[in-house]
Amino acid sequence: MSDILLRASGIHKSFVGVHALKGVSLEIAPGEIHCLAGENGCGKSTLIKIISGVYQPDAGSIEFDGKRLDKITPIDAILLGIQVIYQDFSVFPNLTVMENLALNSELSNKRKVVNWKRMRQIAEEAVAKINFQVDLDALVGTLSVAQKQMVAISRALMFNARLIIMDEPTTALTRKEVQALFKVIMQLKAQGIAILFVSHKLNEVFEISERFTIFRNGELVVTGQTKDLDAAKFSYYMTGRAFSEEQFTATKLGDKPLLEVKNLGLAGAFSDISFSLRSGEILGITGLLDSGRSELALALFGIRQADSGEILIKGKKTAITCPQDAINNGLGLVPEDRLSEGLFLPRSIADNLIIAEVDRLANRFKVFDREKRQEEVDRLMKEFAIASPNANNACQTLSGGNQQRVVLGKWLACGLDILVLNGPTVGVDIGSKHDIHAILQNLAREGMGIIIISDDLPEVIQNCSRVIILKEGKIVQELDAAEATEQAILSKMM
């Protein structure tokens, strides 16, 4: 066995004139946890697809366990022991856990008749490898994100995996679920399985990886030991920019609350929620996945209607029974899942930016004023630095960070007073994350009241002047900025 399990050398790849990879290299040893990091569009996914046989490189070489791989297919890669777990896990939501786990084995053995007893045995052996406790007869579509991920890992191990590539594996996981995943990764390492951990989350890189490699704009920037890396270096290697991480301080608080929530309740989600928000303030709300934080966001915006308590906006009791009620009262919501809830992905960037102000851009005859529309689109593209050569391109062509800027631009074009953001930087690279935080802080300084709902504790601590902690649908603590440390918040969350 070679000391190096995977060696990618001088890899080039272009797509219709776009040079996605420019001579990058990567080495991984057996049993090593190696982090591959870089902003969206840096070439990480392209390299993964080359290693796994989806793409063929234009130049360069791939060696696995000392043997050169030429024009391999995904099936060839799997038989060699290379497994990729993508962000969507590539599971079948309408099949059971057992069927998801056993299906590949049945197909690879070209079996034509289903033997349920054999399939159950295959599934039981698969979950036992990582001590994963799950109902094998449950539909995968009913499982949590963390459970779906464990199904994908169990399936990968069925084919004598020697290298498992995890593409942004923690994007939709809570801190508790991330820790459970890291425990499984350490078990795999102990078995001699190499892990290529693709992430742009600083704390995770430091916590789980032994070595790291960072790409930028399709080029290899640096590779080395994680212990030699610090936060400032990591951010600079990723983006080419130096960031100053300053704690937000509310400088011009309004005299009276913009928003008051009194004893708000929603059966099965949360109860007795009371807080206030003033202009110029960023309020943080955090908690575990089942704390009721997401349901609270939906209730404030009228997607789910609270069944007790009251909401006051600018001192006036306000009935928010639907999103239009919220918008009419100057309240907007950046949803947790921008792809399915915040954007019309096939439509143009321009259409997405102006969708919330269509009426304002029409003339008195209700005819769309195209000149006014174009002026507004140009303004928003510039103000939010949305990186696209053409606003008429489909929104799905943008990176995650730019898509989130479109969601922000859409709401802020409406002249809101209050903005609620649920997971504002989920799936966003480090440069865009910093830029989004700067936008939110500037909006607060200009007088907007902002609520950030997130379980990303560094994000909450850096940007919020007060933090409310939810647990099992109730407020368990409110901390000001000076008290809001990770340790203090976690002690209450857990």
Protein backbone atom coordinates (compact mmCIF):
# COMPACT_ATOMS: atom_id res chain seq x y z
CA MET A 1 0.00 0.00 0.00
CA SER A 2 1.28 3.47 -0.91
CA ASP A 3 1.92 6.10 1.79
CA ILE A 4 -0.25 8.41 -0.31
CA LEU A 5 -3.73 7.10 -1.04
CA LEU A 6 -4.76 9.81 -3.52
CA ARG A 7 -2.44 12.04 -5.52
CA ALA A 8 -3.89 14.58 -7.96
CA SER A 9 -1.13 16.41 -9.85
CA GLY A 10 -1.31 19.46 -12.12
CA ILE A 11 -5.04 19.15 -12.85
CA HIS A 12 -6.48 21.45 -15.51
CA LYS A 13 -10.14 21.62 -16.55
CA SER A 14 -12.02 24.08 -18.76
CA PHE A 15 -15.70 24.43 -19.68
CA VAL A 16 -16.55 26.43 -22.83
CA GLY A 17 -13.69 28.85 -22.31
CA VAL A 18 -13.98 29.01 -18.50
CA HIS A 19 -10.75 27.74 -16.92
CA ALA A 20 -12.19 26.04 -13.80
CA LEU A 21 -8.95 24.39 -12.61
CA LYS A 22 -5.49 25.75 -13.36
CA GLY A 23 -2.92 23.10 -12.49
CA VAL A 24 -4.11 22.24 -8.97
CA SER A 25 -2.66 19.39 -6.92
CA LEU A 26 -3.88 17.48 -3.84
CA GLU A 27 -2.53 14.59 -1.75
CA ILE A 28 -4.33 12.52 0.89
CA ALA A 29 -2.87 9.72 3.02
CA PRO A 30 -4.80 6.67 4.30
CA GLY A 31 -6.70 7.50 7.48
CA GLU A 32 -6.15 11.25 7.02
CA ILE A 33 -8.83 13.91 7.49
CA HIS A 34 -8.03 16.58 4.91
CA CYS A 35 -10.02 19.78 4.47
CA LEU A 36 -10.48 21.23 0.99
CA ALA A 37 -11.63 24.84 1.30
CA GLY A 38 -12.35 27.77 -0.97
CA GLU A 39 -15.10 30.18 -1.90
CA ASN A 40 -17.95 29.15 -4.16
CA GLY A 41 -16.70 28.83 -7.74
CA CYS A 42 -13.07 28.19 -6.73
CA GLY A 43 -12.99 24.72 -8.34
CA LYS A 44 -13.61 22.41 -5.36
CA SER A 45 -16.61 20.66 -6.92
CA THR A 46 -14.85 20.30 -10.28
CA LEU A 47 -11.91 18.50 -8.66
CA ILE A 48 -14.27 16.23 -6.73
CA LYS A 49 -16.01 15.22 -9.96
CA ILE A 50 -12.67 14.51 -11.62
CA ILE A 51 -11.53 12.31 -8.71
CA SER A 52 -14.85 10.42 -8.78
CA GLY A 53 -14.89 9.90 -12.57
CA VAL A 54 -17.71 12.29 -13.46
CA TYR A 55 -15.34 14.57 -15.43
CA GLN A 56 -12.07 13.80 -17.21
CA PRO A 57 -9.20 16.28 -16.69
CA ASP A 58 -7.85 18.23 -19.67
CA ALA A 59 -4.34 17.78 -18.29
CA GLY A 60 -2.67 16.36 -15.20
CA SER A 61 -2.90 12.97 -13.53
CA ILE A 62 -4.78 11.12 -10.78
CA GLU A 63 -3.14 8.28 -8.84
CA PHE A 64 -4.96 6.10 -6.33
CA ASP A 65 -2.94 3.79 -4.08
CA GLY A 66 0.05 4.20 -6.37
CA LYS A 67 -1.81 3.35 -9.60
CA ARG A 68 -2.55 5.93 -12.27
CA LEU A 69 -6.22 6.30 -13.15
CA ASP A 70 -6.99 7.03 -16.79
CA LYS A 71 -10.52 7.83 -17.96
CA ILE A 72 -12.31 6.21 -15.04
CA THR A 73 -16.09 6.24 -14.70
CA PRO A 74 -18.07 6.80 -11.48
CA ILE A 75 -18.59 3.02 -11.24
CA ASP A 76 -14.83 2.47 -11.55
CA ALA A 77 -14.23 5.00 -8.77
CA ILE A 78 -16.76 3.29 -6.48
CA LEU A 79 -15.16 -0.13 -7.08
CA LEU A 80 -11.78 1.38 -6.15
CA GLY A 81 -13.27 2.58 -2.85
CA ILE A 82 -13.89 6.27 -3.71
CA GLN A 83 -17.25 7.48 -2.41
CA VAL A 84 -18.73 10.99 -2.65
CA ILE A 85 -21.47 12.21 -0.33
CA TYR A 86 -22.94 15.33 -1.93
CA GLN A 87 -24.87 18.08 -0.14
CA ASP A 88 -28.23 16.56 -1.15
CA PHE A 89 -26.95 13.07 -0.10
CA SER A 90 -28.43 11.54 -3.32
CA VAL A 91 -30.93 9.43 -1.42
CA PHE A 92 -34.41 8.37 -2.56
CA PRO A 93 -36.94 10.10 -0.24
CA ASN A 94 -39.82 7.87 -1.38
CA LEU A 95 -37.98 4.63 -0.49
CA THR A 96 -37.32 3.19 2.96
CA VAL A 97 -33.96 3.28 4.71
CA MET A 98 -33.54 -0.43 3.98
CA GLU A 99 -34.27 0.04 0.27
CA ASN A 100 -31.87 2.98 0.01
CA LEU A 101 -29.10 0.99 1.64
CA ALA A 102 -29.60 -2.28 -0.23
CA LEU A 103 -30.52 -1.01 -3.68
CA ASN A 104 -26.97 -0.38 -4.94
CA SER A 105 -25.86 -3.81 -3.78
CA GLU A 106 -28.77 -5.48 -5.54
CA LEU A 107 -28.07 -3.58 -8.77
CA SER A 108 -24.30 -4.19 -8.73
CA ASN A 109 -24.95 -7.93 -8.33
CA LYS A 110 -27.49 -7.77 -11.21
CA ARG A 111 -30.21 -9.42 -9.17
CA LYS A 112 -33.60 -9.49 -10.87
CA VAL A 113 -35.76 -10.74 -7.99
CA VAL A 114 -36.18 -8.86 -4.70
CA ASN A 115 -35.32 -10.88 -1.61
CA TRP A 116 -36.54 -8.79 1.33
CA LYS A 117 -34.76 -10.90 3.92
CA ARG A 118 -31.43 -10.43 2.13
CA MET A 119 -32.05 -6.69 1.74
CA ARG A 120 -32.79 -6.31 5.46
CA GLN A 121 -29.60 -8.16 6.33
CA ILE A 122 -27.57 -5.90 4.03
CA ALA A 123 -29.13 -2.80 5.61
CA GLU A 124 -28.59 -4.05 9.17
CA GLU A 125 -24.91 -4.70 8.46
CA ALA A 126 -24.54 -1.24 6.89
CA VAL A 127 -25.92 0.75 9.83
CA ALA A 128 -24.05 -1.42 12.32
CA LYS A 129 -20.71 -0.23 10.92
CA ILE A 130 -21.24 3.22 12.43
CA ASN A 131 -23.69 2.16 15.18
CA PHE A 132 -26.48 4.15 13.51
CA GLN A 133 -29.82 3.57 15.23
CA VAL A 134 -32.70 4.03 12.77
CA ASP A 135 -35.99 2.41 11.75
CA LEU A 136 -35.09 0.54 8.57
CA ASP A 137 -38.73 0.66 7.43
CA ALA A 138 -39.01 4.45 7.73
CA LEU A 139 -39.27 6.46 4.52
CA VAL A 140 -36.06 8.44 4.05
CA GLY A 141 -38.15 11.52 3.23
CA THR A 142 -39.41 11.55 6.83
CA LEU A 143 -35.92 11.56 8.38
CA SER A 144 -34.02 14.58 9.66
CA VAL A 145 -31.14 16.01 7.63
CA ALA A 146 -28.64 14.45 10.03
CA GLN A 147 -30.28 11.01 9.70
CA LYS A 148 -30.25 11.25 5.88
CA GLN A 149 -26.56 11.99 6.08
CA MET A 150 -25.96 8.89 8.21
CA VAL A 151 -27.87 6.83 5.64
CA ALA A 152 -25.53 8.17 2.94
CA ILE A 153 -22.44 7.37 5.06
CA SER A 154 -23.71 3.86 5.83
CA ARG A 155 -24.30 3.27 2.12
CA ALA A 156 -20.80 4.50 1.26
CA LEU A 157 -19.21 2.05 3.69
CA MET A 158 -20.96 -0.92 2.05
CA PHE A 159 -18.55 -0.79 -0.88
CA ASN A 160 -15.33 -1.04 1.13
CA ALA A 161 -14.79 2.70 0.99
CA ARG A 162 -11.18 3.82 1.32
CA LEU A 163 -11.72 7.52 0.56
CA ILE A 164 -14.96 9.31 1.45
CA ILE A 165 -15.44 12.81 0.06
CA MET A 166 -17.95 14.87 2.04
CA ASP A 167 -19.15 17.96 0.15
CA GLU A 168 -20.25 20.67 2.62
CA PRO A 169 -21.59 18.01 5.03
CA THR A 170 -22.63 20.38 7.84
CA THR A 171 -24.57 23.03 5.88
CA ALA A 172 -27.99 22.12 7.32
CA LEU A 173 -26.89 20.58 10.64
CA THR A 174 -27.20 21.96 14.15
CA ARG A 175 -24.15 22.16 16.39
CA LYS A 176 -25.22 19.00 18.22
CA GLU A 177 -25.60 17.12 14.94
CA VAL A 178 -22.22 18.38 13.73
CA GLN A 179 -20.59 16.92 16.84
CA ALA A 180 -22.30 13.57 16.18
CA LEU A 181 -21.01 13.63 12.58
CA PHE A 182 -17.47 14.42 13.74
CA LYS A 183 -17.60 11.43 16.09
CA VAL A 184 -18.48 9.19 13.13
CA ILE A 185 -15.66 10.74 11.06
CA MET A 186 -13.15 9.94 13.81
CA GLN A 187 -14.43 6.33 13.83
CA LEU A 188 -13.84 6.13 10.07
CA LYS A 189 -10.34 7.55 10.52
CA ALA A 190 -9.59 4.84 13.10
CA GLN A 191 -10.55 2.27 10.46
CA GLY A 192 -7.95 3.74 8.07
CA ILE A 193 -10.51 5.45 5.83
CA ALA A 194 -9.38 8.79 4.41
CA ILE A 195 -11.82 11.72 4.55
CA LEU A 196 -11.76 14.68 2.17
CA PHE A 197 -13.85 17.20 4.08
CA VAL A 198 -15.01 20.02 1.79
CA SER A 199 -16.00 23.10 3.78
CA HIS A 200 -15.57 26.85 4.09
CA LYS A 201 -16.46 26.97 7.79
CA LEU A 202 -13.47 28.15 9.76
CA ASN A 203 -14.26 26.48 13.09
CA GLU A 204 -14.90 23.10 11.44
CA VAL A 205 -11.60 23.16 9.56
CA PHE A 206 -9.72 23.69 12.81
CA GLU A 207 -11.75 21.14 14.74
CA ILE A 208 -11.74 18.12 12.45
CA SER A 209 -8.91 18.30 9.90
CA GLU A 210 -5.22 17.47 10.18
CA ARG A 211 -4.16 19.04 6.89
CA PHE A 212 -5.79 21.55 4.59
CA THR A 213 -5.73 22.72 0.99
CA ILE A 214 -7.25 26.03 -0.17
CA PHE A 215 -8.25 26.93 -3.73
CA ARG A 216 -9.03 30.38 -5.09
CA ASN A 217 -10.23 31.12 -8.62
CA GLY A 218 -9.29 27.63 -9.80
CA GLU A 219 -5.75 27.79 -8.44
CA LEU A 220 -3.99 26.15 -5.51
CA VAL A 221 -3.25 28.87 -2.95
CA VAL A 222 -1.75 26.88 -0.08
CA THR A 223 -1.63 23.43 1.50
CA GLY A 224 -0.26 22.50 4.90
CA GLN A 225 -0.86 21.44 8.50
CA THR A 226 -4.01 22.80 10.09
CA LYS A 227 -2.14 23.51 13.33
CA ASP A 228 -0.11 26.14 11.44
CA LEU A 229 -3.28 27.98 10.35
CA ASP A 230 -5.18 30.72 12.17
CA ALA A 231 -8.45 32.55 11.43
CA ALA A 232 -6.83 35.56 9.78
CA LYS A 233 -4.66 33.43 7.49
CA PHE A 234 -7.57 31.18 6.58
CA SER A 235 -9.77 34.12 5.58
CA TYR A 236 -6.98 35.73 3.58
CA TYR A 237 -6.08 32.52 1.71
CA MET A 238 -9.76 31.96 0.88
CA THR A 239 -10.58 35.45 -0.36
CA GLY A 240 -7.37 37.41 -0.92
CA ARG A 241 -8.81 40.01 1.48
CA ALA A 242 -7.97 40.90 5.08
CA PHE A 243 -11.06 41.21 7.31
CA SER A 244 -11.47 43.02 10.62
CA GLU A 245 -13.91 41.15 12.83
CA GLU A 246 -15.45 43.94 14.90
CA GLN A 247 -18.33 43.49 17.31
CA PHE A 248 -21.41 45.43 16.20
CA THR A 249 -22.45 48.22 18.54
CA ALA A 250 -25.85 49.88 18.23
CA THR A 251 -25.12 53.61 18.09
CA LYS A 252 -28.52 55.23 17.38
CA LEU A 253 -31.28 53.33 19.12
CA GLY A 254 -34.82 54.56 18.66
CA ASP A 255 -36.63 55.93 21.71
CA LYS A 256 -39.62 53.62 21.25
CA PRO A 257 -39.83 50.00 20.10
CA LEU A 258 -40.38 49.32 16.42
CA LEU A 259 -41.63 45.83 17.23
CA GLU A 260 -43.11 44.39 20.42
CA VAL A 261 -44.01 40.73 20.84
CA LYS A 262 -46.12 39.92 23.91
CA ASN A 263 -46.81 36.38 25.13
CA LEU A 264 -46.83 35.02 21.58
CA GLY A 265 -47.67 31.33 21.27
CA LEU A 266 -48.13 28.69 18.60
CA ALA A 267 -49.31 25.26 19.73
CA GLY A 268 -46.60 22.61 19.37
CA ALA A 269 -43.91 25.17 18.49
CA PHE A 270 -43.44 27.92 21.12
CA SER A 271 -45.24 29.74 23.94
CA ASP A 272 -45.04 32.93 26.03
CA ILE A 273 -42.52 34.63 23.74
CA SER A 274 -42.03 38.29 24.66
CA PHE A 275 -39.40 40.73 23.43
CA SER A 276 -39.00 44.16 21.84
CA LEU A 277 -36.89 45.53 19.00
CA ARG A 278 -35.87 49.16 18.51
CA SER A 279 -34.65 50.89 15.37
CA GLY A 280 -30.88 50.71 14.98
CA GLU A 281 -30.71 47.41 16.85
CA ILE A 282 -29.73 43.88 15.77
CA LEU A 283 -31.40 41.30 17.99
CA GLY A 284 -30.16 37.72 17.93
CA ILE A 285 -32.43 34.71 18.52
CA THR A 286 -30.74 31.32 18.82
CA GLY A 287 -31.50 27.78 19.91
CA LEU A 288 -31.29 24.19 18.77
CA LEU A 289 -33.28 22.85 15.81
CA ASP A 290 -36.33 21.98 17.93
CA SER A 291 -36.27 25.20 19.99
CA GLY A 292 -39.05 26.89 18.00
CA ARG A 293 -36.78 29.55 16.44
CA SER A 294 -37.79 28.86 12.82
CA GLU A 295 -41.47 28.64 13.69
CA LEU A 296 -41.19 32.01 15.44
CA ALA A 297 -39.79 33.55 12.23
CA LEU A 298 -42.72 32.13 10.24
CA ALA A 299 -45.23 33.46 12.78
CA LEU A 300 -43.76 36.97 12.70
CA PHE A 301 -44.15 36.98 8.92
CA GLY A 302 -47.63 35.48 8.90
CA ILE A 303 -46.79 32.19 7.18
CA ARG A 304 -47.91 30.44 10.36
CA GLN A 305 -50.43 32.31 12.47
CA ALA A 306 -49.81 32.52 16.21
CA ASP A 307 -52.75 31.31 18.29
CA SER A 308 -52.05 33.45 21.37
CA GLY A 309 -50.39 36.71 22.31
CA GLU A 310 -50.03 39.89 20.28
CA ILE A 311 -47.68 41.78 17.97
CA LEU A 312 -47.30 45.55 18.05
CA ILE A 313 -45.54 47.51 15.29
CA LYS A 314 -44.67 51.12 16.15
CA GLY A 315 -46.91 50.86 19.20
CA LYS A 316 -49.97 49.70 17.26
CA LYS A 317 -51.46 46.27 17.74
CA THR A 318 -51.11 44.48 14.41
CA ALA A 319 -52.82 41.33 13.15
CA ILE A 320 -50.36 39.44 10.92
CA THR A 321 -52.40 36.66 9.37
CA CYS A 322 -50.46 36.35 6.10
CA PRO A 323 -47.19 37.60 4.56
CA GLN A 324 -48.96 40.51 2.87
CA ASP A 325 -50.01 41.81 6.32
CA ALA A 326 -46.34 41.75 7.38
CA ILE A 327 -45.15 43.51 4.21
CA ASN A 328 -47.87 46.17 4.51
CA ASN A 329 -46.58 46.90 8.01
CA GLY A 330 -42.94 47.18 6.92
CA LEU A 331 -41.74 43.73 8.01
CA GLY A 332 -39.83 41.34 5.70
CA LEU A 333 -38.41 37.84 6.09
CA VAL A 334 -35.27 36.33 4.59
CA PRO A 335 -36.20 32.63 4.84
CA GLU A 336 -34.11 29.72 6.03
CA ASP A 337 -34.11 28.01 2.61
CA ARG A 338 -33.52 30.67 -0.03
CA LEU A 339 -33.67 28.11 -2.85
CA SER A 340 -37.21 26.90 -2.25
CA GLU A 341 -38.67 29.80 -0.24
CA GLY A 342 -36.81 32.96 -1.17
CA LEU A 343 -36.16 32.89 -4.91
CA PHE A 344 -37.67 31.99 -8.27
CA LEU A 345 -34.51 30.22 -9.45
CA PRO A 346 -35.35 29.79 -13.17
CA ARG A 347 -36.38 33.46 -13.47
CA SER A 348 -33.89 36.23 -14.08
CA ILE A 349 -31.90 38.01 -11.38
CA ALA A 350 -33.75 41.19 -12.36
CA ASP A 351 -37.20 39.61 -11.90
CA ASN A 352 -36.22 38.32 -8.47
CA LEU A 353 -34.89 41.72 -7.38
CA ILE A 354 -38.04 43.68 -8.23
CA ILE A 355 -40.74 41.06 -7.49
CA ALA A 356 -41.72 42.62 -4.15
CA GLU A 357 -42.13 46.12 -5.63
CA VAL A 358 -43.94 45.31 -8.88
CA ASP A 359 -46.87 47.59 -8.03
CA ARG A 360 -44.58 50.56 -7.39
CA LEU A 361 -42.89 50.09 -10.75
CA ALA A 362 -46.18 50.20 -12.66
CA ASN A 363 -47.76 53.40 -13.94
CA ARG A 364 -51.26 54.64 -13.06
CA PHE A 365 -52.70 52.39 -15.76
CA LYS A 366 -51.06 49.36 -14.07
CA VAL A 367 -48.69 48.97 -16.99
CA PHE A 368 -45.12 48.00 -16.17
CA ASP A 369 -42.68 50.92 -16.60
CA ARG A 370 -39.68 49.16 -18.17
CA GLU A 371 -37.36 52.15 -17.90
CA LYS A 372 -38.10 52.54 -14.19
CA ARG A 373 -37.66 48.77 -13.76
CA GLN A 374 -34.22 48.84 -15.38
CA GLU A 375 -33.10 51.78 -13.25
CA GLU A 376 -34.15 49.92 -10.11
CA VAL A 377 -32.42 46.70 -11.18
CA ASP A 378 -29.20 48.58 -11.98
CA ARG A 379 -29.32 50.32 -8.60
CA LEU A 380 -29.81 47.09 -6.64
CA MET A 381 -27.17 45.18 -8.60
CA LYS A 382 -24.66 47.92 -7.77
CA GLU A 383 -25.73 48.52 -4.16
CA PHE A 384 -25.53 44.83 -3.22
CA ALA A 385 -22.51 44.04 -5.42
CA ILE A 386 -24.26 41.11 -7.09
CA ALA A 387 -21.61 39.39 -9.20
CA SER A 388 -23.15 38.63 -12.59
CA PRO A 389 -22.35 39.98 -16.05
CA ASN A 390 -26.04 40.25 -16.90
CA ALA A 391 -29.08 40.81 -14.67
CA ASN A 392 -31.15 38.86 -17.19
CA ASN A 393 -29.28 35.64 -16.34
CA ALA A 394 -31.27 33.04 -14.40
CA CYS A 395 -30.96 33.41 -10.63
CA GLN A 396 -29.84 29.78 -10.38
CA THR A 397 -26.57 30.72 -12.14
CA LEU A 398 -25.43 32.70 -9.09
CA SER A 399 -23.32 31.45 -6.19
CA GLY A 400 -25.00 31.00 -2.79
CA GLY A 401 -23.64 34.31 -1.50
CA ASN A 402 -24.92 36.24 -4.51
CA GLN A 403 -28.32 34.53 -4.30
CA GLN A 404 -28.57 35.69 -0.69
CA ARG A 405 -27.74 39.25 -1.78
CA VAL A 406 -30.62 39.05 -4.26
CA VAL A 407 -32.99 38.04 -1.44
CA LEU A 408 -31.75 40.96 0.67
CA GLY A 409 -32.00 43.38 -2.25
CA LYS A 410 -35.56 42.27 -3.00
CA TRP A 411 -36.75 43.13 0.51
CA LEU A 412 -34.75 46.26 1.05
CA ALA A 413 -36.13 47.76 -2.16
CA CYS A 414 -39.50 47.86 -0.37
CA GLY A 415 -38.37 50.38 2.25
CA LEU A 416 -38.88 48.06 5.22
CA ASP A 417 -38.55 49.07 8.86
CA ILE A 418 -38.01 45.56 10.23
CA LEU A 419 -36.10 42.67 8.68
CA VAL A 420 -36.12 39.13 10.10
CA LEU A 421 -33.39 36.82 8.78
CA ASN A 422 -33.53 33.08 9.46
CA GLY A 423 -30.06 31.61 8.90
CA PRO A 424 -28.80 34.61 6.88
CA THR A 425 -25.49 33.05 5.79
CA VAL A 426 -26.26 29.31 5.56
CA GLY A 427 -24.27 27.82 2.67
CA VAL A 428 -22.50 31.13 1.99
CA ASP A 429 -18.72 31.36 1.58
CA ILE A 430 -16.58 33.35 3.97
CA GLY A 431 -16.16 36.45 1.78
CA SER A 432 -19.88 36.78 1.05
CA LYS A 433 -20.65 36.08 4.71
CA HIS A 434 -18.50 39.02 5.78
CA ASP A 435 -20.11 41.25 3.14
CA ILE A 436 -23.66 40.27 4.20
CA HIS A 437 -22.82 41.01 7.84
CA ALA A 438 -21.50 44.44 6.79
CA ILE A 439 -24.72 45.14 4.88
CA LEU A 440 -26.86 44.22 7.91
CA GLN A 441 -24.78 46.35 10.28
CA ASN A 442 -25.01 49.34 7.94
CA LEU A 443 -28.79 48.90 7.66
CA ALA A 444 -29.06 48.93 11.45
CA ARG A 445 -26.95 52.08 11.66
CA GLU A 446 -29.33 53.68 9.14
CA GLY A 447 -32.26 52.95 11.47
CA MET A 448 -33.65 49.58 10.50
CA GLY A 449 -34.56 47.05 13.20
CA ILE A 450 -33.03 43.64 12.44
CA ILE A 451 -33.56 40.18 13.91
CA ILE A 452 -30.99 37.48 13.14
CA ILE A 453 -32.22 33.96 13.88
CA SER A 454 -29.29 31.55 13.71
CA ASP A 455 -27.47 28.69 15.43
CA ASP A 456 -24.16 30.00 14.06
CA LEU A 457 -22.96 31.36 17.40
CA PRO A 458 -19.96 33.39 16.10
CA GLU A 459 -22.38 35.10 13.69
CA VAL A 460 -24.82 35.91 16.49
CA ILE A 461 -22.13 37.13 18.89
CA GLN A 462 -20.38 39.34 16.33
CA ASN A 463 -23.49 41.02 14.94
CA CYS A 464 -26.07 41.25 17.74
CA SER A 465 -26.32 43.72 20.60
CA ARG A 466 -28.71 41.39 22.47
CA VAL A 467 -29.25 37.63 22.26
CA ILE A 468 -32.38 35.69 23.17
CA ILE A 469 -31.93 31.95 23.75
CA LEU A 470 -34.81 29.56 23.05
CA LYS A 471 -35.15 26.03 24.36
CA GLU A 472 -38.16 23.76 23.79
CA GLY A 473 -40.26 26.69 22.61
CA LYS A 474 -39.56 29.04 25.52
CA ILE A 475 -37.14 31.89 26.22
CA VAL A 476 -34.62 30.61 28.77
CA GLN A 477 -32.23 33.58 28.80
CA GLU A 478 -31.60 37.02 27.37
CA LEU A 479 -28.00 38.24 27.24
CA ASP A 480 -26.49 41.58 26.25
CA ALA A 481 -23.42 41.73 24.02
CA ALA A 482 -20.95 41.73 26.92
CA GLU A 483 -22.42 38.51 28.37
CA ALA A 484 -23.00 36.67 25.07
CA THR A 485 -20.07 34.28 24.84
CA GLU A 486 -20.29 30.89 23.09
CA GLN A 487 -19.93 29.10 26.41
CA ALA A 488 -22.71 31.14 28.05
CA ILE A 489 -25.10 30.58 25.13
CA LEU A 490 -24.35 26.86 24.78
CA SER A 491 -24.86 26.26 28.50
CA LYS A 492 -28.43 27.53 28.15
CA MET A 493 -29.14 25.98 24.72
CA MET A 494 -28.15 22.49 25.81
